Amino acid sequence: MIIDNDKDISNLFKIYLEHDDFDVDAYTNPIDALYYFKKGKYDLILLDLKMPQINGISMFQALKKIDEKVSVCLITAGISYLEQLKGKFPILRNM
């Protein structure tokens, strides 16, 4: 699963992963992604940190409540945004 509000980024990841025979669902709306997320359906989630409606960390926490075993890779193009989040979320402090 890919969750990134930037449609071009989502499509790029989707194209490359499908080229390597992965089944991929891509969402630009985190609310939709959360609605369709099911326990055990996904092995990996590529999750943007900076999104409207739900930031990546809150989304991460919501997804982990549904499926604590799913692997999540946090992605961002905004280093300054990551620095802001480090103070609020202990999970990011070692990044």
C-alpha atoms as a PDB file:
ATOM      1  CA  MET A   1       0.000   0.000   0.000  1.00  0.00           C
ATOM      2  CA  ILE A   2       1.193   3.480  -0.866  1.00  0.00           C
ATOM      3  CA  ILE A   3      -0.235   6.511   0.920  1.00  0.00           C
ATOM      4  CA  ASP A   4       1.014   9.839  -0.398  1.00  0.00           C
ATOM      5  CA  ASN A   5      -1.076  12.899  -1.169  1.00  0.00           C
ATOM      6  CA  ASP A   6       1.171  13.668  -4.160  1.00  0.00           C
ATOM      7  CA  LYS A   7      -0.451  11.759  -7.025  1.00  0.00           C
ATOM      8  CA  ASP A   8       2.740  11.768  -9.122  1.00  0.00           C
ATOM      9  CA  ILE A   9       4.784  10.210  -6.306  1.00  0.00           C
ATOM     10  CA  SER A  10       2.113   7.588  -5.622  1.00  0.00           C
ATOM     11  CA  ASN A  11       1.909   6.690  -9.298  1.00  0.00           C
ATOM     12  CA  LEU A  12       5.686   6.490  -9.638  1.00  0.00           C
ATOM     13  CA  PHE A  13       6.027   4.071  -6.718  1.00  0.00           C
ATOM     14  CA  LYS A  14       3.051   2.053  -7.999  1.00  0.00           C
ATOM     15  CA  ILE A  15       4.465   1.727 -11.514  1.00  0.00           C
ATOM     16  CA  TYR A  16       7.894   0.580 -10.320  1.00  0.00           C
ATOM     17  CA  LEU A  17       6.529  -1.894  -7.792  1.00  0.00           C
ATOM     18  CA  GLU A  18       4.010  -3.376 -10.213  1.00  0.00           C
ATOM     19  CA  HIS A  19       6.802  -3.725 -12.770  1.00  0.00           C
ATOM     20  CA  ASP A  20       8.477  -6.048 -10.245  1.00  0.00           C
ATOM     21  CA  ASP A  21       5.222  -8.043  -9.870  1.00  0.00           C
ATOM     22  CA  PHE A  22       4.000  -6.569  -6.592  1.00  0.00           C
ATOM     23  CA  ASP A  23       0.282  -5.998  -6.089  1.00  0.00           C
ATOM     24  CA  VAL A  24      -0.088  -2.345  -5.130  1.00  0.00           C
ATOM     25  CA  ASP A  25      -2.931  -0.187  -3.892  1.00  0.00           C
ATOM     26  CA  ALA A  26      -2.099   3.519  -3.970  1.00  0.00           C
ATOM     27  CA  TYR A  27      -4.030   6.247  -2.193  1.00  0.00           C
ATOM     28  CA  THR A  28      -3.688  10.005  -2.283  1.00  0.00           C
ATOM     29  CA  ASN A  29      -6.328  10.467   0.403  1.00  0.00           C
ATOM     30  CA  PRO A  30      -5.290   9.075   3.803  1.00  0.00           C
ATOM     31  CA  ILE A  31      -8.931   8.794   4.934  1.00  0.00           C
ATOM     32  CA  ASP A  32      -9.678   6.481   1.993  1.00  0.00           C
ATOM     33  CA  ALA A  33      -6.547   4.455   2.690  1.00  0.00           C
ATOM     34  CA  LEU A  34      -7.528   3.977   6.322  1.00  0.00           C
ATOM     35  CA  TYR A  35     -11.049   2.968   5.305  1.00  0.00           C
ATOM     36  CA  TYR A  36      -9.802   0.256   2.919  1.00  0.00           C
ATOM     37  CA  PHE A  37      -6.937  -0.980   5.097  1.00  0.00           C
ATOM     38  CA  LYS A  38      -7.508  -4.525   6.406  1.00  0.00           C
ATOM     39  CA  LYS A  39      -5.466  -6.610   8.827  1.00  0.00           C
ATOM     40  CA  GLY A  40      -3.179  -9.055   7.033  1.00  0.00           C
ATOM     41  CA  LYS A  41      -3.825  -7.629   3.548  1.00  0.00           C
ATOM     42  CA  TYR A  42      -0.544  -5.728   3.163  1.00  0.00           C
ATOM     43  CA  ASP A  43       3.079  -6.664   3.801  1.00  0.00           C
ATOM     44  CA  LEU A  44       4.393  -3.114   3.515  1.00  0.00           C
ATOM     45  CA  ILE A  45       3.039   0.413   3.570  1.00  0.00           C
ATOM     46  CA  LEU A  46       4.940   3.344   2.068  1.00  0.00           C
ATOM     47  CA  LEU A  47       3.579   6.265   4.060  1.00  0.00           C
ATOM     48  CA  ASP A  48       4.193   9.965   3.478  1.00  0.00           C
ATOM     49  CA  LEU A  49       4.741  11.974   6.643  1.00  0.00           C
ATOM     50  CA  LYS A  50       3.237  15.245   5.442  1.00  0.00           C
ATOM     51  CA  MET A  51      -0.349  14.915   4.293  1.00  0.00           C
ATOM     52  CA  PRO A  52      -3.558  16.874   4.739  1.00  0.00           C
ATOM     53  CA  GLN A  53      -6.302  15.546   7.026  1.00  0.00           C
ATOM     54  CA  ILE A  54      -4.055  13.051   8.862  1.00  0.00           C
ATOM     55  CA  ASN A  55      -0.276  13.432   9.230  1.00  0.00           C
ATOM     56  CA  GLY A  56       1.869  10.379   8.617  1.00  0.00           C
ATOM     57  CA  ILE A  57       2.570   9.657  12.279  1.00  0.00           C
ATOM     58  CA  SER A  58      -1.110   9.702  13.234  1.00  0.00           C
ATOM     59  CA  MET A  59      -1.816   7.518  10.219  1.00  0.00           C
ATOM     60  CA  PHE A  60       0.983   5.149  11.257  1.00  0.00           C
ATOM     61  CA  GLN A  61      -0.550   4.837  14.721  1.00  0.00           C
ATOM     62  CA  ALA A  62      -4.040   4.192  13.307  1.00  0.00           C
ATOM     63  CA  LEU A  63      -2.749   1.530  10.904  1.00  0.00           C
ATOM     64  CA  LYS A  64      -0.753  -0.207  13.642  1.00  0.00           C
ATOM     65  CA  LYS A  65      -3.888  -0.376  15.814  1.00  0.00           C
ATOM     66  CA  ILE A  66      -5.534  -2.372  13.033  1.00  0.00           C
ATOM     67  CA  ASP A  67      -2.516  -4.536  12.153  1.00  0.00           C
ATOM     68  CA  GLU A  68       0.426  -4.354  14.548  1.00  0.00           C
ATOM     69  CA  LYS A  69       2.549  -6.640  12.338  1.00  0.00           C
ATOM     70  CA  VAL A  70       2.426  -4.604   9.133  1.00  0.00           C
ATOM     71  CA  SER A  71       5.728  -3.019   8.109  1.00  0.00           C
ATOM     72  CA  VAL A  72       5.658   0.719   7.474  1.00  0.00           C
ATOM     73  CA  CYS A  73       8.253   2.786   5.652  1.00  0.00           C
ATOM     74  CA  LEU A  74       7.879   6.500   6.344  1.00  0.00           C
ATOM     75  CA  ILE A  75       8.748   8.721   3.405  1.00  0.00           C
ATOM     76  CA  THR A  76       9.046  12.483   3.062  1.00  0.00           C
ATOM     77  CA  ALA A  77      10.549  15.125   0.849  1.00  0.00           C
ATOM     78  CA  GLY A  78      10.366  17.662   3.657  1.00  0.00           C
ATOM     79  CA  ILE A  79      13.362  17.352   5.974  1.00  0.00           C
ATOM     80  CA  SER A  80      12.281  20.430   7.927  1.00  0.00           C
ATOM     81  CA  TYR A  81       8.880  18.813   8.504  1.00  0.00           C
ATOM     82  CA  LEU A  82      10.609  15.697   9.827  1.00  0.00           C
ATOM     83  CA  GLU A  83      12.639  17.820  12.242  1.00  0.00           C
ATOM     84  CA  GLN A  84       9.435  19.425  13.559  1.00  0.00           C
ATOM     85  CA  LEU A  85       7.861  16.013  14.132  1.00  0.00           C
ATOM     86  CA  LYS A  86      10.836  14.560  16.001  1.00  0.00           C
ATOM     87  CA  GLY A  87       9.995  16.595  19.088  1.00  0.00           C
ATOM     88  CA  LYS A  88       6.399  15.402  19.114  1.00  0.00           C
ATOM     89  CA  PHE A  89       6.828  11.700  18.329  1.00  0.00           C
ATOM     90  CA  PRO A  90       9.461   9.565  20.102  1.00  0.00           C
ATOM     91  CA  ILE A  91       9.437   7.009  17.272  1.00  0.00           C
ATOM     92  CA  LEU A  92      11.211   9.551  15.036  1.00  0.00           C
ATOM     93  CA  ARG A  93      13.962  10.669  17.400  1.00  0.00           C
ATOM     94  CA  ASN A  94      16.610   8.287  16.051  1.00  0.00           C
ATOM     95  CA  MET A  95      16.016   9.171  12.401  1.00  0.00           C
END
